[in-house]
Every structure is written in C-alpha cells, then in structure tokens.
Amino acid sequence: MSVALLLLLLGTFFRVIRVEVAPEVLPNFSPLMASALCGALFLPGLIGLVVPVMALVLSDVVLNAHYGAPIFSPQLLWTLPGYLVAVAIGWSLRGRSGLGAVLGGTFAASVFFYVVTNTGSWLGLPSYTQTFSGWVQALTVGLPGYPPTWTFFRNSLAGDLLFAALFVVIERSLLQRRVPSVA
C-alpha cells in the first residue's frame, strides 16, 4: 500500500512540478488521471476512493494559487467529475488488474474527461457560440490564439496511458517480490 500511495502522490505532484519547470513542454501531459484510476485500483478500501480525489483537489489548489486564480475555481465543476469517473473505473477494475483492462479503462476515462471539460468550457466561455458548431470548435480547435484543444487531448492521453502502464508494471513487479514463487 505504501508504494501505491507514494506513486499516487508523486504522480499528483508531477502535475504541479511540470507546470513550474516546463509549462510549454507537452501541455496537459500528466499522470493525474492514471494516478486517480490506479490509486482506486491498488489502494485498499475507501482509501482508494478518498486519496485520489484529495490529490486532485490539492493539486488544483496549488496550481490555482500558482496562477493567481481563486483557490476553488468553477473549473473544478468540470474536472472533478472526470476524475471521479476515473476513480470509479479503477474501483470497478479491482480483481482485474491486467494491463489491457487498465489501459482500456484509462482510455475511456481520458475520453470522458476531454469531452466533459471541453463541453464545460463551451458552456462557460462566451467566446464559444452556443451552437453545435461552437461545441465542435471547443472539442477540436479551441479558441483563436491558443493551441488546438485536440493537442491537449493527445498529450493528456499519452500521459494517462504511459503512467497507467508504468503504475501497473511497478505494482506487478513489487507484488511478485512480495509473493514467493511456489516450487
């Protein structure tokens, strides 16, 4: 459990550190979604539900303070459900922690997060027209003067899948060391 907890915390603070050290390198590349899903998968009992959500809220508070934004921003209304879905998927995968299942769950959580958060931006930002084409714009090219939103999705999906695979490999290797082989 301590290794899973450590991985979750390191993954969460990677998000904060990357923003401070290299903000323009791979925007949205972060292990947070993988941390939420794998935290729920590998941490026992309710700790697997509470710790990933608290990690998200804590990292959001730190990042909001870094950017001079309100400590709890309305954006949390769009991001929190995405991470809660990842936690629920991780929780549902308990007992089926094969790499394929975890990567499939991570992919589904990433797509859900992308659609929900970009829909929230479309609804909340007056720069988007409140039409179907405005919603498609929010999901693809975003607003003028900013990188296309699909590039954020590409980077977040790459980070989510990479870190989920890494967490599973580390957890499996540690589990194999704890369980002696039967001769």
C-alpha atoms as a PDB file:
ATOM      1  CA  MET A   1       0.000   0.000   0.000  1.00  0.00           C
ATOM      2  CA  SER A   2       2.791   2.446   0.814  1.00  0.00           C
ATOM      3  CA  VAL A   3       4.277   2.118  -2.673  1.00  0.00           C
ATOM      4  CA  ALA A   4       0.878   2.677  -4.313  1.00  0.00           C
ATOM      5  CA  LEU A   5       0.321   5.717  -2.106  1.00  0.00           C
ATOM      6  CA  LEU A   6       3.783   7.056  -2.918  1.00  0.00           C
ATOM      7  CA  LEU A   7       3.201   6.604  -6.666  1.00  0.00           C
ATOM      8  CA  LEU A   8      -0.128   8.420  -6.389  1.00  0.00           C
ATOM      9  CA  LEU A   9       1.422  11.364  -4.562  1.00  0.00           C
ATOM     10  CA  LEU A  10       4.416  11.552  -6.909  1.00  0.00           C
ATOM     11  CA  GLY A  11       2.086  11.426  -9.888  1.00  0.00           C
ATOM     12  CA  THR A  12      -0.043  14.200  -8.492  1.00  0.00           C
ATOM     13  CA  PHE A  13       2.867  16.489  -7.780  1.00  0.00           C
ATOM     14  CA  PHE A  14       4.440  15.761 -11.161  1.00  0.00           C
ATOM     15  CA  ARG A  15       1.495  17.767 -12.493  1.00  0.00           C
ATOM     16  CA  VAL A  16       2.425  20.730 -10.326  1.00  0.00           C
ATOM     17  CA  ILE A  17       6.180  20.453 -10.870  1.00  0.00           C
ATOM     18  CA  ARG A  18       5.877  20.142 -14.666  1.00  0.00           C
ATOM     19  CA  VAL A  19       3.841  23.352 -14.787  1.00  0.00           C
ATOM     20  CA  GLU A  20       6.529  25.162 -12.803  1.00  0.00           C
ATOM     21  CA  VAL A  21       9.577  23.718 -14.573  1.00  0.00           C
ATOM     22  CA  ALA A  22       8.430  23.281 -18.191  1.00  0.00           C
ATOM     23  CA  PRO A  23       4.962  24.775 -18.764  1.00  0.00           C
ATOM     24  CA  GLU A  24       5.233  24.864 -22.542  1.00  0.00           C
ATOM     25  CA  VAL A  25       6.542  21.303 -22.896  1.00  0.00           C
ATOM     26  CA  LEU A  26       3.692  18.899 -23.561  1.00  0.00           C
ATOM     27  CA  PRO A  27       0.834  20.896 -22.040  1.00  0.00           C
ATOM     28  CA  ASN A  28      -1.551  18.588 -20.171  1.00  0.00           C
ATOM     29  CA  PHE A  29       0.964  15.712 -20.061  1.00  0.00           C
ATOM     30  CA  SER A  30       0.383  14.467 -16.562  1.00  0.00           C
ATOM     31  CA  PRO A  31      -0.046  11.248 -14.605  1.00  0.00           C
ATOM     32  CA  LEU A  32      -3.054  12.577 -12.669  1.00  0.00           C
ATOM     33  CA  MET A  33      -5.726  10.554 -14.497  1.00  0.00           C
ATOM     34  CA  ALA A  34      -3.595   7.407 -14.220  1.00  0.00           C
ATOM     35  CA  SER A  35      -2.982   8.207 -10.554  1.00  0.00           C
ATOM     36  CA  ALA A  36      -6.713   8.538  -9.907  1.00  0.00           C
ATOM     37  CA  LEU A  37      -7.565   5.295 -11.698  1.00  0.00           C
ATOM     38  CA  CYS A  38      -4.632   3.253 -10.369  1.00  0.00           C
ATOM     39  CA  GLY A  39      -4.966   4.722  -6.882  1.00  0.00           C
ATOM     40  CA  ALA A  40      -8.544   3.428  -6.741  1.00  0.00           C
ATOM     41  CA  LEU A  41      -7.388   0.124  -8.218  1.00  0.00           C
ATOM     42  CA  PHE A  42      -4.404  -0.553  -5.959  1.00  0.00           C
ATOM     43  CA  LEU A  43      -5.119   1.239  -2.668  1.00  0.00           C
ATOM     44  CA  PRO A  44      -7.239  -0.808  -0.259  1.00  0.00           C
ATOM     45  CA  GLY A  45     -10.741   0.023   0.924  1.00  0.00           C
ATOM     46  CA  LEU A  46     -12.052   3.557   0.984  1.00  0.00           C
ATOM     47  CA  ILE A  47      -8.507   4.918   0.861  1.00  0.00           C
ATOM     48  CA  GLY A  48      -8.623   4.049  -2.834  1.00  0.00           C
ATOM     49  CA  LEU A  49     -11.563   6.402  -3.246  1.00  0.00           C
ATOM     50  CA  VAL A  50     -10.616   9.254  -0.942  1.00  0.00           C
ATOM     51  CA  VAL A  51      -6.898   9.674  -1.641  1.00  0.00           C
ATOM     52  CA  PRO A  52      -7.143  10.132  -5.450  1.00  0.00           C
ATOM     53  CA  VAL A  53      -9.898  12.748  -5.083  1.00  0.00           C
ATOM     54  CA  MET A  54      -7.978  14.595  -2.370  1.00  0.00           C
ATOM     55  CA  ALA A  55      -4.854  14.510  -4.560  1.00  0.00           C
ATOM     56  CA  LEU A  56      -6.772  16.190  -7.389  1.00  0.00           C
ATOM     57  CA  VAL A  57      -8.243  18.867  -5.145  1.00  0.00           C
ATOM     58  CA  LEU A  58      -4.875  19.542  -3.508  1.00  0.00           C
ATOM     59  CA  SER A  59      -3.049  19.836  -6.842  1.00  0.00           C
ATOM     60  CA  ASP A  60      -5.789  22.127  -8.193  1.00  0.00           C
ATOM     61  CA  VAL A  61      -5.473  24.377  -5.132  1.00  0.00           C
ATOM     62  CA  VAL A  62      -1.685  24.568  -5.589  1.00  0.00           C
ATOM     63  CA  LEU A  63      -1.957  25.271  -9.332  1.00  0.00           C
ATOM     64  CA  ASN A  64      -4.693  27.880  -8.832  1.00  0.00           C
ATOM     65  CA  ALA A  65      -2.512  29.630  -6.264  1.00  0.00           C
ATOM     66  CA  HIS A  66       0.411  29.478  -8.719  1.00  0.00           C
ATOM     67  CA  TYR A  67      -1.660  31.141 -11.452  1.00  0.00           C
ATOM     68  CA  GLY A  68      -3.300  33.652  -9.102  1.00  0.00           C
ATOM     69  CA  ALA A  69      -6.737  32.110  -9.662  1.00  0.00           C
ATOM     70  CA  PRO A  70      -9.326  31.591  -6.926  1.00  0.00           C
ATOM     71  CA  ILE A  71      -8.387  28.632  -4.731  1.00  0.00           C
ATOM     72  CA  PHE A  72     -11.533  26.739  -5.743  1.00  0.00           C
ATOM     73  CA  SER A  73     -12.419  27.699  -9.296  1.00  0.00           C
ATOM     74  CA  PRO A  74     -15.633  26.912 -11.169  1.00  0.00           C
ATOM     75  CA  GLN A  75     -13.476  24.769 -13.493  1.00  0.00           C
ATOM     76  CA  LEU A  76     -13.458  22.172 -10.697  1.00  0.00           C
ATOM     77  CA  LEU A  77     -17.130  21.552 -11.554  1.00  0.00           C
ATOM     78  CA  TRP A  78     -15.941  20.179 -14.914  1.00  0.00           C
ATOM     79  CA  THR A  79     -12.711  18.460 -13.900  1.00  0.00           C
ATOM     80  CA  LEU A  80     -13.817  16.714 -10.717  1.00  0.00           C
ATOM     81  CA  PRO A  81     -16.483  14.533 -12.423  1.00  0.00           C
ATOM     82  CA  GLY A  82     -13.860  13.414 -14.943  1.00  0.00           C
ATOM     83  CA  TYR A  83     -11.535  12.271 -12.203  1.00  0.00           C
ATOM     84  CA  LEU A  84     -14.393  10.713 -10.233  1.00  0.00           C
ATOM     85  CA  VAL A  85     -15.178   8.603 -13.291  1.00  0.00           C
ATOM     86  CA  ALA A  86     -11.525   7.507 -13.400  1.00  0.00           C
ATOM     87  CA  VAL A  87     -11.695   6.591  -9.714  1.00  0.00           C
ATOM     88  CA  ALA A  88     -14.925   4.643 -10.324  1.00  0.00           C
ATOM     89  CA  ILE A  89     -13.349   2.790 -13.258  1.00  0.00           C
ATOM     90  CA  GLY A  90     -10.288   1.946 -11.153  1.00  0.00           C
ATOM     91  CA  TRP A  91     -12.527   0.766  -8.340  1.00  0.00           C
ATOM     92  CA  SER A  92     -14.518  -1.422 -10.752  1.00  0.00           C
ATOM     93  CA  LEU A  93     -11.315  -2.988 -12.104  1.00  0.00           C
ATOM     94  CA  ARG A  94     -10.278  -4.370  -8.717  1.00  0.00           C
ATOM     95  CA  GLY A  95      -9.502  -8.028  -9.190  1.00  0.00           C
ATOM     96  CA  ARG A  96      -8.964  -7.493 -12.939  1.00  0.00           C
ATOM     97  CA  SER A  97      -5.768  -5.504 -12.927  1.00  0.00           C
ATOM     98  CA  GLY A  98      -4.454  -6.829 -16.231  1.00  0.00           C
ATOM     99  CA  LEU A  99      -2.648  -4.251 -18.313  1.00  0.00           C
ATOM    100  CA  GLY A 100      -5.238  -4.387 -21.110  1.00  0.00           C
ATOM    101  CA  ALA A 101      -8.133  -3.724 -18.741  1.00  0.00           C
ATOM    102  CA  VAL A 102      -6.303  -0.881 -17.024  1.00  0.00           C
ATOM    103  CA  LEU A 103      -5.300   0.748 -20.333  1.00  0.00           C
ATOM    104  CA  GLY A 104      -8.857   0.356 -21.672  1.00  0.00           C
ATOM    105  CA  GLY A 105     -10.260   1.951 -18.531  1.00  0.00           C
ATOM    106  CA  THR A 106      -7.671   4.720 -18.738  1.00  0.00           C
ATOM    107  CA  PHE A 107      -8.573   5.398 -22.364  1.00  0.00           C
ATOM    108  CA  ALA A 108     -12.288   5.576 -21.506  1.00  0.00           C
ATOM    109  CA  ALA A 109     -11.634   7.899 -18.555  1.00  0.00           C
ATOM    110  CA  SER A 110      -9.432  10.151 -20.706  1.00  0.00           C
ATOM    111  CA  VAL A 111     -12.053  10.460 -23.444  1.00  0.00           C
ATOM    112  CA  PHE A 112     -14.778  11.167 -20.878  1.00  0.00           C
ATOM    113  CA  PHE A 113     -12.614  13.815 -19.189  1.00  0.00           C
ATOM    114  CA  TYR A 114     -11.815  15.504 -22.506  1.00  0.00           C
ATOM    115  CA  VAL A 115     -15.436  15.663 -23.635  1.00  0.00           C
ATOM    116  CA  VAL A 116     -16.762  16.842 -20.255  1.00  0.00           C
ATOM    117  CA  THR A 117     -14.115  19.517 -19.663  1.00  0.00           C
ATOM    118  CA  ASN A 118     -14.310  20.894 -23.196  1.00  0.00           C
ATOM    119  CA  THR A 119     -18.098  20.886 -23.027  1.00  0.00           C
ATOM    120  CA  GLY A 120     -17.789  22.822 -19.768  1.00  0.00           C
ATOM    121  CA  SER A 121     -15.548  25.365 -21.471  1.00  0.00           C
ATOM    122  CA  TRP A 122     -18.015  25.640 -24.343  1.00  0.00           C
ATOM    123  CA  LEU A 123     -20.868  26.258 -21.913  1.00  0.00           C
ATOM    124  CA  GLY A 124     -18.922  28.594 -19.645  1.00  0.00           C
ATOM    125  CA  LEU A 125     -16.929  30.758 -22.022  1.00  0.00           C
ATOM    126  CA  PRO A 126     -18.801  33.398 -24.005  1.00  0.00           C
ATOM    127  CA  SER A 127     -16.114  33.172 -26.718  1.00  0.00           C
ATOM    128  CA  TYR A 128     -17.784  29.997 -27.962  1.00  0.00           C
ATOM    129  CA  THR A 129     -21.083  30.221 -29.808  1.00  0.00           C
ATOM    130  CA  GLN A 130     -23.736  28.151 -28.089  1.00  0.00           C
ATOM    131  CA  THR A 131     -24.363  26.021 -31.167  1.00  0.00           C
ATOM    132  CA  PHE A 132     -23.337  22.570 -32.301  1.00  0.00           C
ATOM    133  CA  SER A 133     -20.514  24.108 -34.351  1.00  0.00           C
ATOM    134  CA  GLY A 134     -19.339  26.018 -31.253  1.00  0.00           C
ATOM    135  CA  TRP A 135     -19.236  22.758 -29.322  1.00  0.00           C
ATOM    136  CA  VAL A 136     -17.269  21.063 -32.120  1.00  0.00           C
ATOM    137  CA  GLN A 137     -14.894  24.038 -32.064  1.00  0.00           C
ATOM    138  CA  ALA A 138     -14.400  23.528 -28.308  1.00  0.00           C
ATOM    139  CA  LEU A 139     -13.617  19.853 -28.909  1.00  0.00           C
ATOM    140  CA  THR A 140     -11.199  20.362 -31.791  1.00  0.00           C
ATOM    141  CA  VAL A 141      -9.516  23.697 -32.500  1.00  0.00           C
ATOM    142  CA  GLY A 142     -10.493  25.654 -29.396  1.00  0.00           C
ATOM    143  CA  LEU A 143     -10.215  29.420 -29.290  1.00  0.00           C
ATOM    144  CA  PRO A 144      -8.052  31.556 -31.583  1.00  0.00           C
ATOM    145  CA  GLY A 145      -4.699  32.414 -30.064  1.00  0.00           C
ATOM    146  CA  TYR A 146      -4.439  29.129 -28.162  1.00  0.00           C
ATOM    147  CA  PRO A 147      -3.179  25.714 -29.228  1.00  0.00           C
ATOM    148  CA  PRO A 148      -5.894  23.417 -30.626  1.00  0.00           C
ATOM    149  CA  THR A 149      -7.717  21.526 -27.897  1.00  0.00           C
ATOM    150  CA  TRP A 150      -7.078  18.223 -29.640  1.00  0.00           C
ATOM    151  CA  THR A 151      -3.348  18.695 -28.866  1.00  0.00           C
ATOM    152  CA  PHE A 152      -4.168  18.893 -25.163  1.00  0.00           C
ATOM    153  CA  PHE A 153      -6.153  15.675 -25.523  1.00  0.00           C
ATOM    154  CA  ARG A 154      -3.287  13.978 -27.370  1.00  0.00           C
ATOM    155  CA  ASN A 155      -0.831  14.961 -24.630  1.00  0.00           C
ATOM    156  CA  SER A 156      -3.130  14.025 -21.768  1.00  0.00           C
ATOM    157  CA  LEU A 157      -3.984  10.670 -23.363  1.00  0.00           C
ATOM    158  CA  ALA A 158      -0.276   9.917 -23.903  1.00  0.00           C
ATOM    159  CA  GLY A 159       0.492  10.776 -20.271  1.00  0.00           C
ATOM    160  CA  ASP A 160      -2.522   8.875 -18.964  1.00  0.00           C
ATOM    161  CA  LEU A 161      -1.679   5.683 -20.859  1.00  0.00           C
ATOM    162  CA  LEU A 162       2.061   5.865 -20.215  1.00  0.00           C
ATOM    163  CA  PHE A 163       1.719   6.431 -16.486  1.00  0.00           C
ATOM    164  CA  ALA A 164      -1.078   3.858 -16.081  1.00  0.00           C
ATOM    165  CA  ALA A 165       1.137   1.251 -17.744  1.00  0.00           C
ATOM    166  CA  LEU A 166       4.056   2.322 -15.568  1.00  0.00           C
ATOM    167  CA  PHE A 167       1.970   2.078 -12.384  1.00  0.00           C
ATOM    168  CA  VAL A 168       0.756  -1.414 -13.327  1.00  0.00           C
ATOM    169  CA  VAL A 169       4.266  -2.620 -14.165  1.00  0.00           C
ATOM    170  CA  ILE A 170       5.657  -1.252 -10.884  1.00  0.00           C
ATOM    171  CA  GLU A 171       2.792  -2.696  -8.861  1.00  0.00           C
ATOM    172  CA  ARG A 172       3.183  -6.112 -10.533  1.00  0.00           C
ATOM    173  CA  SER A 173       6.940  -6.205 -10.034  1.00  0.00           C
ATOM    174  CA  LEU A 174       6.526  -5.300  -6.366  1.00  0.00           C
ATOM    175  CA  LEU A 175       3.775  -7.877  -5.951  1.00  0.00           C
ATOM    176  CA  GLN A 176       5.971 -10.581  -7.479  1.00  0.00           C
ATOM    177  CA  ARG A 177       8.717  -9.728  -4.981  1.00  0.00           C
ATOM    178  CA  ARG A 178       6.287  -9.983  -2.040  1.00  0.00           C
ATOM    179  CA  VAL A 179       4.766 -13.315  -3.069  1.00  0.00           C
ATOM    180  CA  PRO A 180       7.324 -16.133  -3.082  1.00  0.00           C
ATOM    181  CA  SER A 181       7.060 -18.445  -6.045  1.00  0.00           C
ATOM    182  CA  VAL A 182       5.781 -21.966  -5.440  1.00  0.00           C
ATOM    183  CA  ALA A 183       8.319 -24.583  -6.488  1.00  0.00           C
END
